């Protein structure tokens, strides 16, 4: 991953303004420690912090067309850049960078070229011929991008909020699958797949088609000129990524330079479920496996730094980001600059445990659509920022544009969890890779119950976080939370604790509005909480909150017990306050 910052239409064009933009761009240097660049044209500035993955020697940014009238700063990877180059025969390429095609595509197709890109990306392009500019973000929002406005009328774009929050009066998370055009004066959606309309698909499930689409998604992400590996938790998704990558690694250009032995990485508390499962998968696949341990205290000590980097106060995101943040530091110390990861599968296939209670295929499909649309606020944000904090790039094959199209075209009846037919969560994915002749994974791994990353690293991790928050947030503080934080009011001491840290780094109203809110159980949307009346009394993003589904589910489900667990002194609460708590946990 790289870091980009663009400021367009500044009223101040002095050297001090240039210095200020360089200073703000440095806040993104963790994302791109390999090189820094800036281009200034009149009242426009495009800055870049580079993490060199493809063409490390000549691909520094910003990038240009032949006469440098078009300037582009990009964060991302364009997997089909070689194919696109063959269609841009009239252009002279200066570098081997996969991102250089963007400048030339713009020359040939104008602003209507973004859907030709296959990859993950956020970019800003300046056309100096008429001083127009565009900005765009990939289909799902794998790469982060924020947009802001200065009091002087300037428009800002940055990979992370910290680079523009101090200088912008208002800013937002740039919506995935959109393009901003200064000519047209607003945002437009460029990504318009059939599933986005939430119509119920009717395509029959074909395991071979699904398998081939995923293998292609993994193979195209082996495009790298630097050492890489796979984040392996031992669960289904990361294990499939590792298995497919291992099979195809010897065929890649990477193998000729770095060898065909796949490196895999896992982190957890000693004795955690993930460590054991990952070790078993690594042994089965014959990977060079790296196992890292952390303690609850080490995780707690990193919380402030984690929240600064991931820029959210969402509870489940922070729980899962912390071990990922610690692991990324270890991975980078080994000289690895890119990893493949398994995010997105649970959203596409209804893999979270709460999907056991989906009332019908229509509700299941609508929930998967909601989950995919929100990925940029949760798992994509975590996977990108927790790794980029240490100059490590995460690629996510399950969020390949074509793979999502294939998977979301399948009749959702096939995704329904049907114990009577032997179908557990994500059965269609498991079945697609259940090959007796040439097994991808051992059967018991292929059919292992879903564990969320924050649970799988060790159940005592979440329990330790709750205990720590209870020590720092008093009953009185939580009872008054609705007055201190009227927007997205925290209802637990853990959520309150994270919110205070976030507000210290990002105190503006615009910052807190970039974080989603609402009730959730086991990572559900607020709407899906309605599927089971008991869930409204046990709202927790942990998979163990899926009462009656998870084998280690929480036992207590009463509102009184939950209130006490989360720091509400029930005996000391007024009747009005207790009613407010119960209403907050029951209302959608």
Protein backbone atom coordinates (compact mmCIF):
# COMPACT_ATOMS: atom_id res chain seq x y z
CA UNK A 1 0.00 0.00 0.00
CA UNK A 2 0.99 3.59 -0.59
CA UNK A 3 -0.21 6.87 0.85
CA UNK A 4 -1.67 9.65 -1.29
CA UNK A 5 -2.56 13.25 -0.51
CA UNK A 6 -3.98 15.71 -3.03
CA UNK A 7 -5.01 19.32 -2.43
CA UNK A 8 -6.67 21.12 -5.33
CA UNK A 9 -7.68 24.76 -5.61
CA UNK A 10 -5.70 26.27 -2.71
CA UNK A 11 -5.92 30.03 -2.23
CA UNK A 12 -2.40 29.98 -0.76
CA UNK A 13 0.31 28.97 -3.23
CA UNK A 14 3.30 30.06 -1.17
CA UNK A 15 6.30 27.91 -0.28
CA UNK A 16 4.91 27.60 3.23
CA UNK A 17 1.79 25.90 1.83
CA UNK A 18 3.96 23.44 -0.08
CA UNK A 19 5.86 22.74 3.12
CA UNK A 20 2.60 22.20 4.98
CA UNK A 21 1.40 19.65 2.42
CA UNK A 22 4.72 17.81 2.62
CA UNK A 23 4.36 17.80 6.40
CA UNK A 24 0.83 16.34 6.15
CA UNK A 25 1.97 13.79 3.59
CA UNK A 26 4.60 12.58 6.07
CA UNK A 27 1.75 11.47 8.31
CA UNK A 28 1.22 8.75 5.71
CA UNK A 29 4.84 7.63 5.48
CA UNK A 30 4.14 4.43 7.40
CA UNK A 31 2.05 3.37 4.40
CA UNK A 32 4.88 4.04 1.95
CA UNK A 33 8.33 4.14 3.53
CA UNK A 34 10.24 3.49 0.27
CA UNK A 35 10.04 6.91 -1.42
CA UNK A 36 8.28 10.28 -1.31
CA UNK A 37 7.14 12.46 -4.18
CA UNK A 38 5.19 15.66 -4.77
CA UNK A 39 4.03 17.55 -7.85
CA UNK A 40 2.91 21.18 -7.64
CA UNK A 41 0.98 22.87 -10.44
CA UNK A 42 -0.26 26.39 -9.70
CA UNK A 43 -2.74 25.91 -6.82
CA UNK A 44 -2.79 22.10 -6.99
CA UNK A 45 -0.60 19.63 -5.10
CA UNK A 46 -0.33 15.86 -5.52
CA UNK A 47 1.85 14.05 -2.97
CA UNK A 48 2.76 10.39 -2.65
CA UNK A 49 4.40 8.02 -0.16
CA UNK A 50 5.45 4.84 -1.94
CA UNK A 51 5.53 1.20 -0.90
CA UNK A 52 7.35 -0.41 -3.82
CA UNK A 53 5.79 -3.79 -4.72
CA UNK A 54 5.79 -3.78 -8.54
CA UNK A 55 8.77 -2.27 -10.39
CA UNK A 56 10.61 -1.06 -7.27
CA UNK A 57 13.37 0.64 -9.28
CA UNK A 58 11.45 2.97 -11.62
CA UNK A 59 7.85 3.22 -10.44
CA UNK A 60 8.10 6.27 -8.20
CA UNK A 61 5.09 8.58 -8.08
CA UNK A 62 3.36 10.83 -9.01
CA UNK A 63 3.11 9.29 -12.48
CA UNK A 64 2.63 11.15 -15.78
CA UNK A 65 1.62 10.85 -19.41
CA UNK A 66 4.20 11.53 -22.12
CA UNK A 67 4.21 15.33 -21.96
CA UNK A 68 3.46 15.48 -18.21
CA UNK A 69 0.20 17.35 -18.76
CA UNK A 70 -1.60 14.63 -16.81
CA UNK A 71 -0.45 13.79 -13.30
CA UNK A 72 -1.74 10.93 -11.17
CA UNK A 73 -1.06 9.78 -7.63
CA UNK A 74 -2.24 6.23 -6.89
CA UNK A 75 -2.56 3.89 -3.95
CA UNK A 76 -3.22 0.36 -5.12
CA UNK A 77 -2.49 -2.44 -7.55
CA UNK A 78 -3.84 -2.83 -11.10
CA UNK A 79 -3.75 -6.57 -11.75
CA UNK A 80 -4.68 -6.35 -15.45
CA UNK A 81 -2.14 -3.64 -16.30
CA UNK A 82 -0.25 -5.85 -18.78
CA UNK A 83 -3.45 -6.57 -20.71
CA UNK A 84 -4.34 -2.87 -20.67
CA UNK A 85 -0.90 -1.92 -21.98
CA UNK A 86 -1.53 -4.00 -25.11
CA UNK A 87 -4.56 -1.80 -25.82
CA UNK A 88 -2.59 1.42 -25.31
CA UNK A 89 -0.12 0.85 -28.16
CA UNK A 90 0.01 4.52 -29.14
CA UNK A 91 1.47 5.48 -25.77
CA UNK A 92 5.01 5.47 -24.48
CA UNK A 93 5.39 4.03 -20.97
CA UNK A 94 8.15 5.45 -18.80
CA UNK A 95 8.02 2.85 -16.00
CA UNK A 96 7.06 -0.74 -15.30
CA UNK A 97 4.54 0.42 -12.70
CA UNK A 98 1.13 -1.20 -12.92
CA UNK A 99 -0.46 2.17 -12.12
CA UNK A 100 0.95 4.10 -15.09
CA UNK A 101 -1.87 2.79 -17.28
CA UNK A 102 -4.28 5.14 -15.46
CA UNK A 103 -2.81 8.28 -17.03
CA UNK A 104 -2.95 6.80 -20.53
CA UNK A 105 -6.42 5.32 -20.13
CA UNK A 106 -7.63 8.79 -19.22
CA UNK A 107 -6.05 10.19 -22.38
CA UNK A 108 -7.86 7.65 -24.57
CA UNK A 109 -11.20 7.27 -22.80
CA UNK A 110 -11.66 10.43 -20.74
CA UNK A 111 -13.29 9.99 -17.36
CA UNK A 112 -15.15 6.79 -18.36
CA UNK A 113 -12.29 4.35 -17.93
CA UNK A 114 -12.41 3.32 -14.27
CA UNK A 115 -14.47 0.17 -14.84
CA UNK A 116 -11.65 -1.12 -17.09
CA UNK A 117 -9.37 -1.39 -14.05
CA UNK A 118 -9.15 -4.76 -12.32
CA UNK A 119 -7.59 -4.24 -8.92
CA UNK A 120 -7.70 -2.31 -5.68
CA UNK A 121 -7.06 1.40 -5.95
CA UNK A 122 -7.64 4.96 -4.87
CA UNK A 123 -6.28 7.68 -7.10
CA UNK A 124 -6.40 11.38 -7.91
CA UNK A 125 -5.70 12.56 -11.46
CA UNK A 126 -5.03 16.17 -12.47
CA UNK A 127 -5.41 17.31 -16.09
CA UNK A 128 -3.37 20.51 -16.36
CA UNK A 129 -4.74 21.25 -19.82
CA UNK A 130 -8.00 22.50 -18.32
CA UNK A 131 -7.18 22.21 -14.59
CA UNK A 132 -9.86 19.56 -14.11
CA UNK A 133 -9.41 16.59 -11.81
CA UNK A 134 -10.98 13.28 -10.93
CA UNK A 135 -10.68 10.95 -7.93
CA UNK A 136 -11.87 7.35 -7.75
CA UNK A 137 -11.99 4.41 -5.38
CA UNK A 138 -12.14 0.68 -6.14
CA UNK A 139 -15.41 -1.25 -6.27
CA UNK A 140 -15.53 -2.48 -2.67
CA UNK A 141 -13.29 0.06 -0.94
CA UNK A 142 -10.32 -2.22 -0.27
CA UNK A 143 -8.03 0.80 -0.32
CA UNK A 144 -9.01 3.71 1.94
CA UNK A 145 -9.77 7.21 0.69
CA UNK A 146 -11.12 10.33 2.37
CA UNK A 147 -12.40 13.52 0.80
CA UNK A 148 -12.43 16.92 2.50
CA UNK A 149 -13.12 20.59 1.95
CA UNK A 150 -11.09 23.55 3.20
CA UNK A 151 -12.48 26.94 4.19
CA UNK A 152 -10.64 28.46 1.21
CA UNK A 153 -12.67 26.31 -1.20
CA UNK A 154 -9.94 23.74 -1.70
CA UNK A 155 -10.78 20.05 -2.22
CA UNK A 156 -8.69 17.43 -0.45
CA UNK A 157 -8.17 13.70 -0.89
CA UNK A 158 -6.08 11.45 1.37
CA UNK A 159 -5.51 7.77 2.07
CA UNK A 160 -6.06 8.33 5.77
CA UNK A 161 -8.04 10.83 7.79
CA UNK A 162 -5.01 11.99 9.77
CA UNK A 163 -3.56 13.71 6.68
CA UNK A 164 -6.50 16.06 6.15
CA UNK A 165 -8.52 16.24 9.39
CA UNK A 166 -6.62 19.23 10.81
CA UNK A 167 -6.89 21.35 7.66
CA UNK A 168 -10.40 20.53 6.44
CA UNK A 169 -13.60 21.97 7.83
CA UNK A 170 -15.53 18.90 6.71
CA UNK A 171 -14.49 15.49 5.41
CA UNK A 172 -16.05 12.14 4.57
CA UNK A 173 -15.08 8.59 3.75
CA UNK A 174 -15.02 8.52 -0.06
CA UNK A 175 -17.67 5.97 -1.13
CA UNK A 176 -16.42 2.79 -2.81
CA UNK A 177 -17.18 2.27 -6.48
CA UNK A 178 -17.49 6.02 -7.08
CA UNK A 179 -15.69 8.69 -9.07
CA UNK A 180 -15.56 12.39 -8.28
CA UNK A 181 -15.32 14.72 -11.26
CA UNK A 182 -14.57 18.43 -10.93
CA UNK A 183 -16.17 18.94 -14.34
CA UNK A 184 -19.43 17.30 -13.32
CA UNK A 185 -19.25 18.68 -9.80
CA UNK A 186 -20.03 15.62 -7.77
CA UNK A 187 -19.78 11.91 -7.03
CA UNK A 188 -21.05 9.27 -9.44
CA UNK A 189 -21.15 5.50 -9.08
CA UNK A 190 -19.02 3.73 -11.68
CA UNK A 191 -19.49 0.21 -10.23
CA UNK A 192 -23.00 -1.07 -10.92
CA UNK A 193 -23.17 -4.89 -10.65
CA UNK A 194 -26.50 -6.72 -10.65
CA UNK A 195 -26.22 -7.66 -6.97
CA UNK A 196 -26.01 -4.01 -5.95
CA UNK A 197 -29.70 -3.58 -6.77
CA UNK A 198 -30.39 -6.40 -4.28
CA UNK A 199 -32.54 -8.38 -6.71
CA UNK A 200 -32.66 -12.08 -5.83
CA UNK A 201 -30.44 -14.04 -8.29
CA UNK A 202 -31.49 -17.37 -9.78
CA UNK A 203 -28.29 -18.85 -11.22
CA UNK A 204 -27.78 -22.51 -10.31
CA UNK A 205 -24.75 -23.27 -8.17
CA UNK A 206 -21.81 -24.72 -10.13
CA UNK A 207 -18.91 -25.67 -7.83
CA UNK A 208 -16.40 -25.82 -10.69
CA UNK A 209 -17.22 -22.29 -11.89
CA UNK A 210 -16.93 -20.96 -8.33
CA UNK A 211 -13.63 -22.75 -7.75
CA UNK A 212 -12.10 -21.52 -11.02
CA UNK A 213 -13.14 -17.94 -10.31
CA UNK A 214 -11.44 -18.05 -6.93
CA UNK A 215 -8.26 -19.67 -8.25
CA UNK A 216 -8.02 -16.94 -10.88
CA UNK A 217 -8.50 -14.30 -8.18
CA UNK A 218 -5.61 -15.70 -6.15
CA UNK A 219 -3.28 -16.19 -9.11
CA UNK A 220 -3.63 -12.60 -10.36
CA UNK A 221 -2.66 -11.39 -6.85
CA UNK A 222 0.69 -13.17 -7.08
CA UNK A 223 1.84 -10.16 -9.15
CA UNK A 224 4.80 -8.91 -7.11
CA UNK A 225 8.51 -8.13 -7.38
CA UNK A 226 9.09 -8.43 -3.62
CA UNK A 227 8.77 -11.22 -1.00
CA UNK A 228 5.21 -12.07 0.08
CA UNK A 229 3.25 -14.54 2.18
CA UNK A 230 -0.25 -15.50 3.36
CA UNK A 231 -1.97 -14.60 6.62
CA UNK A 232 -3.10 -18.02 7.84
CA UNK A 233 -5.51 -18.31 10.75
CA UNK A 234 -6.32 -21.94 10.07
CA UNK A 235 -9.94 -21.16 9.26
CA UNK A 236 -11.57 -21.96 5.95
CA UNK A 237 -10.96 -18.67 4.13
CA UNK A 238 -7.29 -18.09 4.84
CA UNK A 239 -6.57 -21.80 4.42
CA UNK A 240 -8.09 -21.79 0.92
CA UNK A 241 -6.06 -18.71 0.00
CA UNK A 242 -2.89 -20.46 1.20
CA UNK A 243 -3.77 -23.72 -0.55
CA UNK A 244 -4.45 -22.12 -3.93
CA UNK A 245 -1.42 -19.82 -3.69
CA UNK A 246 0.78 -22.80 -2.82
CA UNK A 247 -0.46 -24.74 -5.85
CA UNK A 248 0.20 -21.96 -8.33
CA UNK A 249 3.28 -20.30 -6.87
CA UNK A 250 5.77 -22.34 -8.91
CA UNK A 251 4.12 -21.10 -12.14
CA UNK A 252 4.51 -17.42 -11.23
CA UNK A 253 7.26 -14.95 -12.11
CA UNK A 254 7.78 -14.56 -8.38
CA UNK A 255 9.07 -18.13 -8.05
CA UNK A 256 11.92 -17.51 -10.50
CA UNK A 257 13.27 -14.74 -8.29
CA UNK A 258 12.26 -15.73 -4.75
CA UNK A 259 11.58 -19.49 -4.88
CA UNK A 260 8.40 -21.56 -4.77
CA UNK A 261 8.15 -22.11 -1.01
CA UNK A 262 5.15 -20.24 0.36
CA UNK A 263 5.51 -18.36 3.65
CA UNK A 264 2.53 -18.31 6.01
CA UNK A 265 1.97 -16.26 9.16
CA UNK A 266 -0.27 -16.63 12.20
CA UNK A 267 -0.66 -14.87 15.55
CA UNK A 268 -2.49 -15.71 18.74
CA UNK A 269 -2.36 -16.06 22.47
CA UNK A 270 -0.52 -19.22 23.48
CA UNK A 271 -2.86 -22.18 23.13
CA UNK A 272 -5.39 -20.29 20.98
CA UNK A 273 -7.59 -22.10 18.41
CA UNK A 274 -6.01 -20.28 15.45
CA UNK A 275 -2.43 -21.24 16.27
CA UNK A 276 -3.22 -24.93 16.39
CA UNK A 277 -5.34 -24.93 13.24
CA UNK A 278 -2.88 -22.79 11.27
CA UNK A 279 0.01 -25.05 12.22
CA UNK A 280 -1.91 -28.06 10.97
CA UNK A 281 -2.78 -26.40 7.65
CA UNK A 282 0.80 -25.19 7.15
CA UNK A 283 2.11 -28.70 7.76
CA UNK A 284 -0.40 -30.14 5.30
CA UNK A 285 0.52 -27.60 2.60
CA UNK A 286 4.25 -27.71 3.34
CA UNK A 287 4.63 -23.96 3.81
CA UNK A 288 7.40 -22.13 5.64
CA UNK A 289 5.27 -21.24 8.65
CA UNK A 290 5.87 -18.38 11.09
CA UNK A 291 3.97 -18.46 14.37
CA UNK A 292 3.82 -15.37 16.56
CA UNK A 293 2.52 -15.05 20.11
CA UNK A 294 1.26 -12.03 21.99
CA UNK A 295 -0.08 -11.48 25.47
CA UNK A 296 -3.26 -9.71 26.46
CA UNK A 297 -1.15 -6.98 28.06
CA UNK A 298 0.88 -6.46 24.89
CA UNK A 299 -2.36 -6.03 22.98
CA UNK A 300 -3.73 -3.58 25.52
CA UNK A 301 -0.49 -1.59 25.43
CA UNK A 302 -0.89 -1.20 21.66
CA UNK A 303 -4.52 -0.01 21.70
CA UNK A 304 -3.85 3.72 21.41
CA UNK A 305 -1.47 3.20 18.51
CA UNK A 306 -3.93 0.83 16.84
CA UNK A 307 -6.82 3.29 17.07
CA UNK A 308 -4.61 6.09 15.72
CA UNK A 309 -3.74 3.99 12.69
CA UNK A 310 -7.09 2.36 11.90
CA UNK A 311 -9.09 5.54 12.59
CA UNK A 312 -12.22 4.01 14.06
CA UNK A 313 -13.86 3.38 17.43
CA UNK A 314 -15.86 0.36 16.22
CA UNK A 315 -15.46 -2.37 18.84
CA UNK A 316 -15.12 -5.45 16.65
CA UNK A 317 -12.70 -3.68 14.29
CA UNK A 318 -10.41 -2.71 17.16
CA UNK A 319 -10.56 -6.18 18.69
CA UNK A 320 -9.46 -7.79 15.44
CA UNK A 321 -7.06 -5.04 14.32
CA UNK A 322 -4.83 -5.25 17.38
CA UNK A 323 -3.42 -8.76 16.82
CA UNK A 324 -3.21 -8.02 13.09
CA UNK A 325 -1.29 -4.82 13.83
CA UNK A 326 1.18 -6.71 16.07
CA UNK A 327 1.60 -9.50 13.53
CA UNK A 328 2.23 -7.04 10.68
CA UNK A 329 5.17 -5.56 12.54
CA UNK A 330 6.70 -9.00 12.94
CA UNK A 331 6.10 -9.85 9.28
CA UNK A 332 7.70 -6.64 8.03
CA UNK A 333 10.75 -7.32 10.20
CA UNK A 334 11.28 -10.50 8.16
CA UNK A 335 11.59 -8.49 4.93
CA UNK A 336 8.11 -9.33 3.62
CA UNK A 337 6.18 -6.46 2.01
CA UNK A 338 2.95 -8.07 0.79
CA UNK A 339 0.49 -10.64 2.14
CA UNK A 340 -2.67 -12.32 0.91
CA UNK A 341 -5.58 -12.39 3.34
CA UNK A 342 -9.04 -13.97 3.54
CA UNK A 343 -11.36 -11.01 4.14
CA UNK A 344 -14.74 -10.86 2.37
CA UNK A 345 -15.79 -14.50 2.24
CA UNK A 346 -18.15 -14.33 5.22
CA UNK A 347 -19.97 -11.35 3.74
CA UNK A 348 -20.35 -12.96 0.31
CA UNK A 349 -21.41 -16.43 1.46
CA UNK A 350 -23.24 -15.66 4.70
CA UNK A 351 -20.46 -17.18 6.77
CA UNK A 352 -20.99 -15.46 10.09
CA UNK A 353 -22.71 -17.64 12.66
CA UNK A 354 -25.76 -15.40 12.91
CA UNK A 355 -26.65 -16.48 9.36
CA UNK A 356 -27.86 -19.74 10.94
CA UNK A 357 -30.98 -17.77 11.87
CA UNK A 358 -31.66 -16.28 8.43
CA UNK A 359 -35.42 -16.80 7.99
CA UNK A 360 -35.32 -17.32 4.21
CA UNK A 361 -33.11 -16.96 1.17
CA UNK A 362 -34.37 -13.46 0.40
CA UNK A 363 -33.34 -12.15 3.82
CA UNK A 364 -30.01 -13.93 3.58
CA UNK A 365 -29.24 -12.37 0.20
CA UNK A 366 -30.23 -8.89 1.32
CA UNK A 367 -27.98 -9.24 4.36
CA UNK A 368 -25.00 -10.34 2.24
CA UNK A 369 -25.57 -7.28 0.03
CA UNK A 370 -25.66 -5.00 3.08
CA UNK A 371 -22.50 -6.60 4.46
CA UNK A 372 -20.51 -6.25 1.22
CA UNK A 373 -21.57 -2.63 0.82
CA UNK A 374 -20.28 -1.87 4.32
CA UNK A 375 -16.97 -3.74 4.07
CA UNK A 376 -15.00 -0.53 3.55
CA UNK A 377 -16.03 0.58 7.04
CA UNK A 378 -15.06 -2.67 8.75
CA UNK A 379 -12.91 -5.55 7.47
CA UNK A 380 -11.38 -3.72 4.49
CA UNK A 381 -10.48 -0.82 6.76
CA UNK A 382 -8.92 -3.20 9.29
CA UNK A 383 -7.01 -5.33 6.80
CA UNK A 384 -5.60 -2.30 5.01
CA UNK A 385 -4.74 0.04 7.86
CA UNK A 386 -3.54 -2.53 10.42
CA UNK A 387 -1.01 -3.85 7.89
CA UNK A 388 -0.14 -0.50 6.29
CA UNK A 389 0.80 0.83 9.71
CA UNK A 390 4.05 -1.10 9.21
CA UNK A 391 4.47 -0.70 5.43
CA UNK A 392 2.86 -4.04 4.61
CA UNK A 393 0.34 -4.50 1.79
CA UNK A 394 -2.68 -6.82 2.18
CA UNK A 395 -4.42 -8.25 -0.89
CA UNK A 396 -7.83 -9.90 -0.64
CA UNK A 397 -8.72 -12.46 -3.34
CA UNK A 398 -12.30 -12.99 -2.13
CA UNK A 399 -13.04 -9.37 -3.05
CA UNK A 400 -11.99 -9.83 -6.65
CA UNK A 401 -14.56 -8.12 -8.88
CA UNK A 402 -15.21 -11.17 -11.05
CA UNK A 403 -15.32 -13.57 -8.12
CA UNK A 404 -17.93 -11.41 -6.36
CA UNK A 405 -19.97 -11.36 -9.57
CA UNK A 406 -19.91 -15.15 -9.83
CA UNK A 407 -20.63 -15.74 -6.13
CA UNK A 408 -23.40 -13.14 -5.86
CA UNK A 409 -25.16 -14.44 -9.00
CA UNK A 410 -25.82 -17.80 -7.31
CA UNK A 411 -29.35 -18.48 -6.10
CA UNK A 412 -29.10 -17.73 -2.35
CA UNK A 413 -31.03 -20.90 -1.55
CA UNK A 414 -27.64 -22.61 -1.95
CA UNK A 415 -26.17 -20.35 0.75
CA UNK A 416 -28.86 -21.17 3.30
CA UNK A 417 -27.59 -23.14 6.30
CA UNK A 418 -29.46 -26.46 6.20
CA UNK A 419 -28.45 -28.97 8.90
CA UNK A 420 -31.03 -31.39 7.50
CA UNK A 421 -29.02 -31.48 4.26
CA UNK A 422 -25.62 -31.40 5.96
CA UNK A 423 -24.97 -27.79 4.93
CA UNK A 424 -23.13 -25.63 7.44
CA UNK A 425 -22.19 -21.98 6.90
CA UNK A 426 -20.38 -21.34 3.58
CA UNK A 427 -21.22 -24.84 2.41
CA UNK A 428 -21.08 -23.90 -1.28
CA UNK A 429 -17.50 -22.66 -0.88
CA UNK A 430 -16.44 -25.69 1.14
CA UNK A 431 -18.06 -28.04 -1.36
CA UNK A 432 -16.37 -26.32 -4.30
CA UNK A 433 -12.97 -27.20 -2.87
CA UNK A 434 -13.89 -30.66 -1.58
CA UNK A 435 -11.79 -32.58 -4.09
CA UNK A 436 -11.12 -36.20 -3.11
CA UNK A 437 -8.71 -36.80 -5.98
CA UNK A 438 -6.49 -33.81 -5.27
CA UNK A 439 -7.51 -32.40 -1.87
CA UNK A 440 -7.00 -28.71 -1.18
CA UNK A 441 -7.33 -29.13 2.59
CA UNK A 442 -8.00 -31.83 5.19
CA UNK A 443 -11.75 -32.47 5.60
CA UNK A 444 -11.91 -31.29 9.21
CA UNK A 445 -10.27 -27.98 8.27
CA UNK A 446 -12.49 -27.61 5.22
CA UNK A 447 -15.53 -28.00 7.46
CA UNK A 448 -14.27 -26.23 10.59
CA UNK A 449 -16.81 -23.95 12.34
CA UNK A 450 -16.43 -20.26 11.71
CA UNK A 451 -14.25 -18.32 14.19
CA UNK A 452 -13.97 -14.56 13.94
CA UNK A 453 -10.35 -13.43 13.99
CA UNK A 454 -10.77 -11.58 17.27
CA UNK A 455 -12.12 -14.81 18.84
CA UNK A 456 -9.75 -17.25 17.16
CA UNK A 457 -6.60 -15.58 18.49
CA UNK A 458 -7.81 -16.62 21.96
CA UNK A 459 -11.08 -16.07 23.81
CA UNK A 460 -9.25 -14.47 26.75
CA UNK A 461 -8.24 -11.61 24.41
CA UNK A 462 -11.77 -10.18 24.31
CA UNK A 463 -12.36 -10.98 27.96
CA UNK A 464 -9.13 -9.13 28.81
CA UNK A 465 -10.21 -6.08 26.82
CA UNK A 466 -13.52 -5.94 28.69
CA UNK A 467 -11.75 -6.23 32.05
CA UNK A 468 -9.33 -3.45 31.10
CA UNK A 469 -12.17 -1.16 30.04
CA UNK A 470 -14.04 -1.86 33.27
CA UNK A 471 -11.02 -0.58 35.19
CA UNK A 472 -10.91 2.70 33.26
CA UNK A 473 -14.58 3.56 32.72
CA UNK A 474 -16.77 4.09 35.78
CA UNK A 475 -20.48 3.38 36.04
CA UNK A 476 -21.14 7.11 36.18
CA UNK A 477 -19.18 7.74 33.00
CA UNK A 478 -21.17 5.13 31.10
CA UNK A 479 -24.50 6.25 32.56
CA UNK A 480 -23.83 9.73 31.14
CA UNK A 481 -22.51 8.48 27.80
CA UNK A 482 -25.54 9.71 25.87
CA UNK A 483 -24.78 13.28 26.96
CA UNK A 484 -21.03 13.14 26.33
CA UNK A 485 -21.35 11.25 23.03
CA UNK A 486 -24.84 11.91 21.63
CA UNK A 487 -23.80 10.58 18.20
CA UNK A 488 -23.15 6.82 18.09
CA UNK A 489 -23.50 6.64 21.88
CA UNK A 490 -21.37 3.82 23.37
CA UNK A 491 -23.43 1.36 25.44
CA UNK A 492 -20.57 -0.67 26.92
CA UNK A 493 -17.48 0.30 28.86
CA UNK A 494 -15.29 -1.22 26.17
CA UNK A 495 -16.93 0.94 23.48
CA UNK A 496 -16.69 4.02 25.73
CA UNK A 497 -12.98 3.41 26.34
CA UNK A 498 -12.21 3.15 22.61
CA UNK A 499 -14.26 6.26 21.91
CA UNK A 500 -12.23 8.38 24.35
CA UNK A 501 -9.00 7.32 22.65
CA UNK A 502 -10.42 8.04 19.19
CA UNK A 503 -11.65 11.49 20.21
CA UNK A 504 -8.19 12.37 21.52
CA UNK A 505 -6.70 11.85 18.06
CA UNK A 506 -9.69 12.92 15.95
CA UNK A 507 -11.82 15.45 17.87
CA UNK A 508 -13.84 16.92 14.99
CA UNK A 509 -17.49 16.07 14.39
CA UNK A 510 -16.66 15.02 10.85
CA UNK A 511 -14.26 12.36 12.16
CA UNK A 512 -16.75 10.62 14.42
CA UNK A 513 -19.29 10.60 11.58
CA UNK A 514 -17.01 8.42 9.46
CA UNK A 515 -17.58 5.52 11.89
CA UNK A 516 -20.77 3.45 11.57
CA UNK A 517 -23.03 2.68 14.51
CA UNK A 518 -26.06 0.59 15.42
CA UNK A 519 -26.70 -2.69 17.23
CA UNK A 520 -24.91 -5.87 16.12
CA UNK A 521 -24.65 -9.48 17.18
CA UNK A 522 -21.75 -11.61 15.94
CA UNK A 523 -20.95 -8.94 13.28
CA UNK A 524 -24.51 -8.70 11.92
CA UNK A 525 -26.09 -5.60 10.47
CA UNK A 526 -28.66 -3.86 12.65
CA UNK A 527 -31.44 -5.28 10.47
CA UNK A 528 -30.34 -8.90 11.01
CA UNK A 529 -30.59 -8.54 14.80
CA UNK A 530 -34.34 -8.90 14.21
CA UNK A 531 -33.86 -12.52 13.14
CA UNK A 532 -33.77 -13.75 16.75
CA UNK A 533 -35.48 -12.00 19.66
CA UNK A 534 -32.86 -13.30 22.11
CA UNK A 535 -30.07 -11.45 20.29
CA UNK A 536 -31.39 -8.02 21.21
CA UNK A 537 -30.47 -8.89 24.81
CA UNK A 538 -26.92 -10.04 23.99
CA UNK A 539 -25.53 -7.47 21.60
CA UNK A 540 -21.84 -8.17 21.10
CA UNK A 541 -19.82 -8.37 17.88
CA UNK A 542 -18.07 -11.57 19.05
CA UNK A 543 -19.13 -14.79 17.33
CA UNK A 544 -19.83 -16.17 20.80
CA UNK A 545 -22.82 -13.83 20.98
CA UNK A 546 -24.58 -16.08 18.45
CA UNK A 547 -26.42 -17.84 21.25
CA UNK A 548 -27.54 -21.32 20.29
CA UNK A 549 -25.09 -21.50 17.39
CA UNK A 550 -21.48 -21.09 18.58
CA UNK A 551 -20.15 -24.04 20.56
CA UNK A 552 -18.67 -21.60 23.11
CA UNK A 553 -21.57 -19.15 23.15
CA UNK A 554 -22.09 -16.72 26.00
CA UNK A 555 -24.42 -18.19 28.61
CA UNK A 556 -26.02 -15.02 29.97
CA UNK A 557 -28.58 -13.34 27.75
CA UNK A 558 -30.71 -11.27 30.08
CA UNK A 559 -30.62 -7.50 29.76
CA UNK A 560 -29.84 -7.17 33.45
CA UNK A 561 -26.86 -9.53 33.19
CA UNK A 562 -25.60 -7.82 30.05
CA UNK A 563 -25.96 -4.43 31.68
CA UNK A 564 -23.90 -5.59 34.63
CA UNK A 565 -21.25 -7.16 32.42
CA UNK A 566 -20.88 -3.95 30.45
CA UNK A 567 -20.62 -1.69 33.44
CA UNK A 568 -24.17 -0.59 34.14
CA UNK A 569 -24.83 -0.67 37.87
CA UNK A 570 -28.41 -1.89 37.54
CA UNK A 571 -29.32 -1.24 41.16
CA UNK A 572 -27.97 2.29 40.89
CA UNK A 573 -29.70 3.15 37.63
CA UNK A 574 -32.89 5.13 37.55
CA UNK A 575 -35.87 3.36 36.02
CA UNK A 576 -35.62 5.74 33.07
CA UNK A 577 -31.96 4.87 32.49
CA UNK A 578 -32.65 1.12 32.63
CA UNK A 579 -35.50 1.54 30.16
CA UNK A 580 -33.13 3.51 27.91
CA UNK A 581 -30.58 0.69 28.03
CA UNK A 582 -33.18 -1.96 27.21
CA UNK A 583 -34.62 0.14 24.41
CA UNK A 584 -31.18 0.72 22.95
CA UNK A 585 -30.47 -3.00 22.82
CA UNK A 586 -33.87 -3.94 21.44
CA UNK A 587 -34.56 -1.21 18.90
CA UNK A 588 -33.34 -1.45 15.35
